[in-house]
C-alpha atoms as a PDB file:
ATOM      1  CA  MET A   1     -24.232  14.724  27.168  1.00  0.00           C
ATOM      2  CA  THR A   2     -21.464  16.426  25.196  1.00  0.00           C
ATOM      3  CA  PRO A   3     -17.859  15.865  26.580  1.00  0.00           C
ATOM      4  CA  THR A   4     -16.004  18.844  27.768  1.00  0.00           C
ATOM      5  CA  ASN A   5     -12.863  20.217  26.024  1.00  0.00           C
ATOM      6  CA  THR A   6     -10.708  18.786  29.074  1.00  0.00           C
ATOM      7  CA  GLU A   7     -11.857  15.047  28.747  1.00  0.00           C
ATOM      8  CA  PRO A   8      -9.275  13.113  26.527  1.00  0.00           C
ATOM      9  CA  LEU A   9     -10.583  12.136  23.063  1.00  0.00           C
ATOM     10  CA  ASP A  10      -9.729   8.475  22.019  1.00  0.00           C
ATOM     11  CA  CYS A  11      -8.255   8.799  18.338  1.00  0.00           C
ATOM     12  CA  ALA A  12      -6.957   5.781  16.169  1.00  0.00           C
ATOM     13  CA  CYS A  13      -5.193   4.742  13.167  1.00  0.00           C
ATOM     14  CA  VAL A  14      -4.053   1.437  11.473  1.00  0.00           C
ATOM     15  CA  ILE A  15      -0.833   0.842  10.092  1.00  0.00           C
ATOM     16  CA  HIS A  16      -0.255  -2.512   8.605  1.00  0.00           C
ATOM     17  CA  GLY A  17       2.482  -3.979   6.186  1.00  0.00           C
ATOM     18  CA  THR A  18       4.769  -1.598   4.263  1.00  0.00           C
ATOM     19  CA  GLY A  19       2.136   0.605   2.494  1.00  0.00           C
ATOM     20  CA  TYR A  20       2.978   3.452   4.656  1.00  0.00           C
ATOM     21  CA  ASP A  21       6.043   4.773   6.561  1.00  0.00           C
ATOM     22  CA  TRP A  22       6.024   5.364  10.211  1.00  0.00           C
ATOM     23  CA  GLU A  23       6.336   8.913   9.368  1.00  0.00           C
ATOM     24  CA  TYR A  24       2.557   8.738   8.443  1.00  0.00           C
ATOM     25  CA  VAL A  25       1.674   7.815  11.997  1.00  0.00           C
ATOM     26  CA  GLU A  26       3.704  10.611  13.665  1.00  0.00           C
ATOM     27  CA  ARG A  27       2.209  13.237  11.182  1.00  0.00           C
ATOM     28  CA  LEU A  28      -1.265  12.039  11.936  1.00  0.00           C
ATOM     29  CA  TYR A  29      -0.674  12.305  15.649  1.00  0.00           C
ATOM     30  CA  ASN A  30       0.902  15.856  15.352  1.00  0.00           C
ATOM     31  CA  MET A  31      -2.090  17.051  12.932  1.00  0.00           C
ATOM     32  CA  LEU A  32      -4.777  15.784  15.598  1.00  0.00           C
ATOM     33  CA  ASN A  33      -2.869  17.492  18.523  1.00  0.00           C
ATOM     34  CA  ARG A  34      -2.932  20.782  16.537  1.00  0.00           C
ATOM     35  CA  HIS A  35      -6.536  20.736  15.211  1.00  0.00           C
ATOM     36  CA  LEU A  36      -8.525  19.386  18.110  1.00  0.00           C
ATOM     37  CA  THR A  37      -8.949  21.272  21.452  1.00  0.00           C
ATOM     38  CA  ARG A  38      -9.407  18.162  23.558  1.00  0.00           C
ATOM     39  CA  PRO A  39      -6.342  16.151  24.522  1.00  0.00           C
ATOM     40  CA  ILE A  40      -6.138  12.927  22.758  1.00  0.00           C
ATOM     41  CA  ARG A  41      -5.230   9.277  23.628  1.00  0.00           C
ATOM     42  CA  PHE A  42      -3.632   7.948  20.526  1.00  0.00           C
ATOM     43  CA  HIS A  43      -4.352   4.274  19.545  1.00  0.00           C
ATOM     44  CA  VAL A  44      -2.269   2.496  17.055  1.00  0.00           C
ATOM     45  CA  TYR A  45      -3.596  -0.805  15.859  1.00  0.00           C
ATOM     46  CA  THR A  46      -0.709  -2.643  14.087  1.00  0.00           C
ATOM     47  CA  GLU A  47       1.159  -5.896  13.907  1.00  0.00           C
ATOM     48  CA  ALA A  48       2.272  -7.532  17.118  1.00  0.00           C
ATOM     49  CA  GLU A  49       5.982  -7.169  16.348  1.00  0.00           C
ATOM     50  CA  ARG A  50       6.056  -3.448  15.433  1.00  0.00           C
ATOM     51  CA  PRO A  51       7.379  -1.107  18.074  1.00  0.00           C
ATOM     52  CA  VAL A  52       5.046   1.760  19.154  1.00  0.00           C
ATOM     53  CA  PRO A  53       6.486   4.772  21.146  1.00  0.00           C
ATOM     54  CA  ASP A  54       5.218   5.085  24.855  1.00  0.00           C
ATOM     55  CA  HIS A  55       2.992   7.852  24.310  1.00  0.00           C
ATOM     56  CA  MET A  56       0.812   5.904  21.933  1.00  0.00           C
ATOM     57  CA  ILE A  57      -1.480   3.042  22.907  1.00  0.00           C
ATOM     58  CA  LYS A  58      -0.638  -0.181  20.905  1.00  0.00           C
ATOM     59  CA  HIS A  59      -3.274  -2.616  19.875  1.00  0.00           C
ATOM     60  CA  SER A  60      -1.782  -5.938  18.439  1.00  0.00           C
ATOM     61  CA  LEU A  61      -3.806  -6.955  15.348  1.00  0.00           C
ATOM     62  CA  ALA A  62      -4.784 -10.604  14.769  1.00  0.00           C
ATOM     63  CA  ASP A  63      -2.906 -11.828  11.833  1.00  0.00           C
ATOM     64  CA  TRP A  64      -5.339 -12.713   9.152  1.00  0.00           C
ATOM     65  CA  GLY A  65      -2.463 -13.500   6.664  1.00  0.00           C
ATOM     66  CA  PHE A  66      -3.366 -10.683   4.178  1.00  0.00           C
ATOM     67  CA  THR A  67      -0.640  -8.637   2.438  1.00  0.00           C
ATOM     68  CA  GLY A  68      -0.700  -5.660   0.089  1.00  0.00           C
ATOM     69  CA  PRO A  69      -2.225  -2.170   0.351  1.00  0.00           C
ATOM     70  CA  LYS A  70      -5.717  -3.296  -0.668  1.00  0.00           C
ATOM     71  CA  LYS A  71      -6.012  -6.250   1.463  1.00  0.00           C
ATOM     72  CA  SER A  72      -4.807  -4.573   4.472  1.00  0.00           C
ATOM     73  CA  TRP A  73      -7.838  -2.439   4.483  1.00  0.00           C
ATOM     74  CA  TRP A  74      -9.718  -5.310   6.122  1.00  0.00           C
ATOM     75  CA  TYR A  75      -7.827  -4.992   9.349  1.00  0.00           C
ATOM     76  CA  LYS A  76      -9.769  -1.968  10.068  1.00  0.00           C
ATOM     77  CA  LEU A  77     -12.522  -4.362  11.044  1.00  0.00           C
ATOM     78  CA  GLN A  78     -10.702  -5.205  14.148  1.00  0.00           C
ATOM     79  CA  LEU A  79     -11.316  -1.635  15.452  1.00  0.00           C
ATOM     80  CA  PHE A  80     -14.894  -2.994  16.244  1.00  0.00           C
ATOM     81  CA  ASN A  81     -13.622  -5.467  18.571  1.00  0.00           C
ATOM     82  CA  THR A  82     -14.535  -4.093  21.955  1.00  0.00           C
ATOM     83  CA  GLN A  83     -11.546  -6.382  23.743  1.00  0.00           C
ATOM     84  CA  HIS A  84      -9.320  -3.482  22.228  1.00  0.00           C
ATOM     85  CA  HIS A  85     -11.382  -0.338  23.196  1.00  0.00           C
ATOM     86  CA  GLN A  86     -14.778   0.434  24.626  1.00  0.00           C
ATOM     87  CA  GLY A  87     -16.608   3.682  24.034  1.00  0.00           C
ATOM     88  CA  PRO A  88     -16.341   6.659  21.587  1.00  0.00           C
ATOM     89  CA  LEU A  89     -13.598   6.123  18.932  1.00  0.00           C
ATOM     90  CA  LEU A  90     -12.476   8.750  16.216  1.00  0.00           C
ATOM     91  CA  TYR A  91     -10.553   6.766  13.458  1.00  0.00           C
ATOM     92  CA  PHE A  92      -8.351   8.144  10.669  1.00  0.00           C
ATOM     93  CA  ASP A  93      -6.770   6.559   7.610  1.00  0.00           C
ATOM     94  CA  LEU A  94      -3.263   7.619   7.183  1.00  0.00           C
ATOM     95  CA  ASP A  95      -3.672   9.337   4.000  1.00  0.00           C
ATOM     96  CA  VAL A  96      -5.374  12.528   5.192  1.00  0.00           C
ATOM     97  CA  VAL A  97      -4.309  16.034   5.577  1.00  0.00           C
ATOM     98  CA  ILE A  98      -6.054  17.974   8.401  1.00  0.00           C
ATOM     99  CA  VAL A  99      -6.038  21.748   7.809  1.00  0.00           C
ATOM    100  CA  LYS A 100      -8.214  23.538  10.581  1.00  0.00           C
ATOM    101  CA  ASN A 101     -10.098  22.769  13.714  1.00  0.00           C
ATOM    102  CA  ILE A 102     -12.106  19.594  13.724  1.00  0.00           C
ATOM    103  CA  ASP A 103     -13.914  19.759  17.022  1.00  0.00           C
ATOM    104  CA  TRP A 104     -17.108  19.493  15.177  1.00  0.00           C
ATOM    105  CA  ILE A 105     -16.578  15.729  14.704  1.00  0.00           C
ATOM    106  CA  TRP A 106     -16.660  14.891  18.283  1.00  0.00           C
ATOM    107  CA  LYS A 107     -19.687  16.833  18.936  1.00  0.00           C
ATOM    108  CA  LEU A 108     -21.807  14.659  16.613  1.00  0.00           C
ATOM    109  CA  ASN A 109     -24.333  12.541  18.187  1.00  0.00           C
ATOM    110  CA  LEU A 110     -23.087   9.000  18.868  1.00  0.00           C
ATOM    111  CA  LYS A 111     -26.392   7.350  18.636  1.00  0.00           C
ATOM    112  CA  HIS A 112     -25.142   7.140  14.924  1.00  0.00           C
ATOM    113  CA  PHE A 113     -22.246   5.612  13.048  1.00  0.00           C
ATOM    114  CA  TRP A 114     -20.406   8.573  11.277  1.00  0.00           C
ATOM    115  CA  ALA A 115     -18.248   8.128   8.251  1.00  0.00           C
ATOM    116  CA  VAL A 116     -17.430   9.847   5.042  1.00  0.00           C
ATOM    117  CA  ARG A 117     -19.597   9.728   2.268  1.00  0.00           C
ATOM    118  CA  ASP A 118     -18.173   7.470  -0.474  1.00  0.00           C
ATOM    119  CA  PHE A 119     -16.938   9.692  -3.160  1.00  0.00           C
ATOM    120  CA  LYS A 120     -18.779   8.012  -5.972  1.00  0.00           C
ATOM    121  CA  TYR A 121     -21.543  10.416  -4.925  1.00  0.00           C
ATOM    122  CA  LEU A 122     -19.739  12.884  -7.298  1.00  0.00           C
ATOM    123  CA  TRP A 123     -20.895  10.974 -10.347  1.00  0.00           C
ATOM    124  CA  LYS A 124     -23.603   8.722  -8.708  1.00  0.00           C
ATOM    125  CA  PRO A 125     -25.673  11.078  -6.395  1.00  0.00           C
ATOM    126  CA  ASN A 126     -27.653   8.294  -5.107  1.00  0.00           C
ATOM    127  CA  CYS A 127     -24.590   6.424  -3.924  1.00  0.00           C
ATOM    128  CA  THR A 128     -25.255   5.618  -0.101  1.00  0.00           C
ATOM    129  CA  THR A 129     -22.109   3.645   0.612  1.00  0.00           C
ATOM    130  CA  SER A 130     -19.710   4.789   3.422  1.00  0.00           C
ATOM    131  CA  ASN A 131     -16.178   5.649   3.049  1.00  0.00           C
ATOM    132  CA  THR A 132     -14.209   4.581   6.011  1.00  0.00           C
ATOM    133  CA  SER A 133     -11.266   6.842   5.741  1.00  0.00           C
ATOM    134  CA  ILE A 134     -12.659   8.693   8.938  1.00  0.00           C
ATOM    135  CA  MET A 135     -15.046   7.094  11.508  1.00  0.00           C
ATOM    136  CA  TRP A 136     -16.643   8.413  14.573  1.00  0.00           C
ATOM    137  CA  TRP A 137     -18.676   5.887  16.617  1.00  0.00           C
ATOM    138  CA  ASP A 138     -19.257   4.167  20.012  1.00  0.00           C
ATOM    139  CA  THR A 139     -17.617   0.783  19.692  1.00  0.00           C
ATOM    140  CA  THR A 140     -19.891  -0.772  22.413  1.00  0.00           C
ATOM    141  CA  LYS A 141     -22.991   0.103  20.218  1.00  0.00           C
ATOM    142  CA  TYR A 142     -21.615  -1.483  17.023  1.00  0.00           C
ATOM    143  CA  GLN A 143     -20.195  -4.758  18.364  1.00  0.00           C
ATOM    144  CA  ASN A 144     -22.372  -6.605  15.947  1.00  0.00           C
ATOM    145  CA  VAL A 145     -19.921  -5.609  13.138  1.00  0.00           C
ATOM    146  CA  TRP A 146     -17.314  -7.573  14.968  1.00  0.00           C
ATOM    147  CA  ASN A 147     -19.553 -10.302  15.891  1.00  0.00           C
ATOM    148  CA  THR A 148     -20.539 -10.675  12.145  1.00  0.00           C
ATOM    149  CA  VAL A 149     -16.839 -10.958  11.296  1.00  0.00           C
ATOM    150  CA  ILE A 150     -16.053 -13.699  13.883  1.00  0.00           C
ATOM    151  CA  ASP A 151     -19.184 -15.633  13.020  1.00  0.00           C
ATOM    152  CA  GLN A 152     -17.829 -16.400   9.633  1.00  0.00           C
ATOM    153  CA  ASN A 153     -14.220 -16.807   8.347  1.00  0.00           C
ATOM    154  CA  ILE A 154     -12.939 -13.499   7.239  1.00  0.00           C
ATOM    155  CA  ASP A 155     -11.946 -14.878   3.830  1.00  0.00           C
ATOM    156  CA  PHE A 156     -15.667 -15.386   3.020  1.00  0.00           C
ATOM    157  CA  PHE A 157     -16.176 -11.372   3.378  1.00  0.00           C
ATOM    158  CA  VAL A 158     -12.959 -10.744   1.538  1.00  0.00           C
ATOM    159  CA  LYS A 159     -14.461 -12.671  -1.527  1.00  0.00           C
ATOM    160  CA  LYS A 160     -17.823 -11.351  -1.091  1.00  0.00           C
ATOM    161  CA  TYR A 161     -17.115  -7.529  -0.707  1.00  0.00           C
ATOM    162  CA  ARG A 162     -14.814  -5.233  -2.442  1.00  0.00           C
ATOM    163  CA  GLY A 163     -13.533  -3.863   0.799  1.00  0.00           C
ATOM    164  CA  ASP A 164     -14.055  -3.230   4.394  1.00  0.00           C
ATOM    165  CA  GLN A 165     -16.194  -0.105   3.663  1.00  0.00           C
ATOM    166  CA  ASP A 166     -18.707  -2.212   1.463  1.00  0.00           C
ATOM    167  CA  PHE A 167     -18.895  -4.745   4.231  1.00  0.00           C
ATOM    168  CA  ILE A 168     -19.396  -1.930   6.844  1.00  0.00           C
ATOM    169  CA  SER A 169     -22.097  -0.268   4.840  1.00  0.00           C
ATOM    170  CA  ALA A 170     -23.801  -3.642   4.452  1.00  0.00           C
ATOM    171  CA  VAL A 171     -23.647  -4.704   8.066  1.00  0.00           C
ATOM    172  CA  ILE A 172     -24.915  -1.344   9.727  1.00  0.00           C
ATOM    173  CA  PRO A 173     -28.211  -0.454   8.715  1.00  0.00           C
ATOM    174  CA  GLU A 174     -28.691   2.755   6.394  1.00  0.00           C
ATOM    175  CA  GLY A 175     -30.876   4.264   9.272  1.00  0.00           C
ATOM    176  CA  GLN A 176     -27.964   4.085  11.823  1.00  0.00           C
ATOM    177  CA  ARG A 177     -25.371   5.450   9.556  1.00  0.00           C
ATOM    178  CA  ARG A 178     -24.535   9.083   8.772  1.00  0.00           C
ATOM    179  CA  PHE A 179     -22.322  11.089   6.644  1.00  0.00           C
ATOM    180  CA  PHE A 180     -19.994  13.741   7.463  1.00  0.00           C
ATOM    181  CA  ASN A 181     -20.586  17.301   5.972  1.00  0.00           C
ATOM    182  CA  THR A 182     -19.280  16.895   2.551  1.00  0.00           C
ATOM    183  CA  ASP A 183     -18.137  20.506   2.607  1.00  0.00           C
ATOM    184  CA  TRP A 184     -15.829  19.792   5.464  1.00  0.00           C
ATOM    185  CA  ILE A 185     -14.116  16.673   4.231  1.00  0.00           C
ATOM    186  CA  LYS A 186     -13.202  16.308   0.535  1.00  0.00           C
ATOM    187  CA  SER A 187     -11.086  14.343  -1.845  1.00  0.00           C
ATOM    188  CA  TRP A 188      -7.997  15.917  -2.633  1.00  0.00           C
ATOM    189  CA  ARG A 189      -7.695  14.625  -6.247  1.00  0.00           C
ATOM    190  CA  TRP A 190     -11.353  14.913  -7.387  1.00  0.00           C
ATOM    191  CA  GLN A 191     -12.269  18.140  -5.594  1.00  0.00           C
ATOM    192  CA  CYS A 192      -9.272  20.264  -4.387  1.00  0.00           C
ATOM    193  CA  LEU A 193      -6.492  19.523  -6.983  1.00  0.00           C
ATOM    194  CA  ASP A 194      -6.631  21.981  -9.999  1.00  0.00           C
ATOM    195  CA  GLY A 195      -9.959  23.405  -9.421  1.00  0.00           C
ATOM    196  CA  GLY A 196     -11.568  19.823  -9.148  1.00  0.00           C
ATOM    197  CA  PHE A 197     -12.138  17.200 -11.724  1.00  0.00           C
ATOM    198  CA  SER A 198     -14.981  17.447 -14.129  1.00  0.00           C
ATOM    199  CA  PHE A 199     -16.316  13.919 -14.567  1.00  0.00           C
ATOM    200  CA  SER A 200     -18.641  15.106 -17.249  1.00  0.00           C
ATOM    201  CA  LYS A 201     -15.735  16.413 -19.425  1.00  0.00           C
ATOM    202  CA  ARG A 202     -12.956  14.079 -18.091  1.00  0.00           C
ATOM    203  CA  LYS A 203     -10.569  16.822 -17.038  1.00  0.00           C
ATOM    204  CA  TYR A 204      -9.578  19.111 -14.435  1.00  0.00           C
ATOM    205  CA  ILE A 205     -11.283  22.407 -14.289  1.00  0.00           C
ATOM    206  CA  GLU A 206      -8.310  24.726 -13.573  1.00  0.00           C
ATOM    207  CA  PRO A 207      -5.137  22.848 -14.692  1.00  0.00           C
ATOM    208  CA  ASP A 208      -1.824  23.495 -13.047  1.00  0.00           C
ATOM    209  CA  THR A 209      -3.335  25.709 -10.207  1.00  0.00           C
ATOM    210  CA  GLY A 210      -2.359  23.141  -7.506  1.00  0.00           C
ATOM    211  CA  THR A 211      -4.518  22.601  -4.258  1.00  0.00           C
ATOM    212  CA  ASN A 212      -7.372  24.841  -3.524  1.00  0.00           C
ATOM    213  CA  ILE A 213      -8.687  24.855  -0.142  1.00  0.00           C
ATOM    214  CA  ASP A 214     -12.053  26.803   0.402  1.00  0.00           C
ATOM    215  CA  LYS A 215     -12.980  28.284   3.804  1.00  0.00           C
ATOM    216  CA  ASN A 216     -15.257  25.381   5.012  1.00  0.00           C
ATOM    217  CA  LEU A 217     -12.688  22.511   4.166  1.00  0.00           C
ATOM    218  CA  GLY A 218     -11.089  20.834   7.343  1.00  0.00           C
ATOM    219  CA  ILE A 219      -9.749  17.490   5.909  1.00  0.00           C
ATOM    220  CA  LEU A 220      -8.313  16.155   2.703  1.00  0.00           C
ATOM    221  CA  ILE A 221      -8.360  12.644   1.834  1.00  0.00           C
ATOM    222  CA  PHE A 222      -5.728  11.241  -0.489  1.00  0.00           C
ATOM    223  CA  HIS A 223      -7.339   7.794  -1.670  1.00  0.00           C
ATOM    224  CA  GLY A 224      -5.358   6.484  -4.431  1.00  0.00           C
ATOM    225  CA  LEU A 225      -2.156   7.869  -5.645  1.00  0.00           C
ATOM    226  CA  PRO A 226      -0.152  10.029  -5.297  1.00  0.00           C
ATOM    227  CA  LYS A 227       0.286  10.148  -1.477  1.00  0.00           C
ATOM    228  CA  GLN A 228       1.341  12.964   0.673  1.00  0.00           C
ATOM    229  CA  HIS A 229       4.940  12.521   0.636  1.00  0.00           C
ATOM    230  CA  GLU A 230       4.994  12.251  -3.122  1.00  0.00           C
ATOM    231  CA  ILE A 231       3.434  15.765  -3.468  1.00  0.00           C
ATOM    232  CA  THR A 232       5.392  18.926  -3.601  1.00  0.00           C
ATOM    233  CA  ASP A 233       2.343  21.321  -3.321  1.00  0.00           C
ATOM    234  CA  GLN A 234       3.256  23.965  -0.847  1.00  0.00           C
ATOM    235  CA  ILE A 235      -0.336  23.895   0.709  1.00  0.00           C
ATOM    236  CA  ILE A 236       0.106  20.167   1.438  1.00  0.00           C
ATOM    237  CA  ALA A 237       3.843  20.639   2.699  1.00  0.00           C
ATOM    238  CA  THR A 238       2.472  23.347   5.210  1.00  0.00           C
ATOM    239  CA  HIS A 239      -0.187  21.264   6.610  1.00  0.00           C
ATOM    240  CA  TRP A 240       1.071  17.728   6.498  1.00  0.00           C
ATOM    241  CA  GLN A 241       3.590  17.803   9.328  1.00  0.00           C
END
């Protein structure tokens, strides 16, 4: 049964270490409230010692001893621990900009695990890896991800896989994984900046034209650098607040 617009939607983010200022959490919270018609319960997964405001739900991450922006990715696996949350969960990385209504996400069938298609598909069309910048799933149906983590020392997986998304793609069978519509979620630097990047020509198609948002686009993902606070583009400034 599809939830009604009056039922709260559980949304989450992870902030760990010093890679992002708290400003990113607040702006994600604001964008979700603007672009979802359902009220939200906002879950923040973070270090035990970090304060979280009362209007957000804090989840203290187990300390795995990882530091640095790349190693901090691995803390996202703790989202799959049902001791934190049981049921549907809509997760966002902090480096996203939401530009219009995204109610379509929570209407997707939760018998599947939904994620962004790895942007490698732009030059490798057969790529089937998930990008975990945005995820929509029922945590009770994918407890096996967390069980796999705790059955083995996390350091084993850090050495075996390049990051959390490769691990998740390996643990969740391909038949259970689905990708969000690639017209609705795009890479800012590869698809929306300066007309998009031509991988065959190794250059931007329309240099110095800034951000281009087409009518279908709902979310921009800022993987890599620069991040939102480093960009002076007026379109980004308008939506990232």
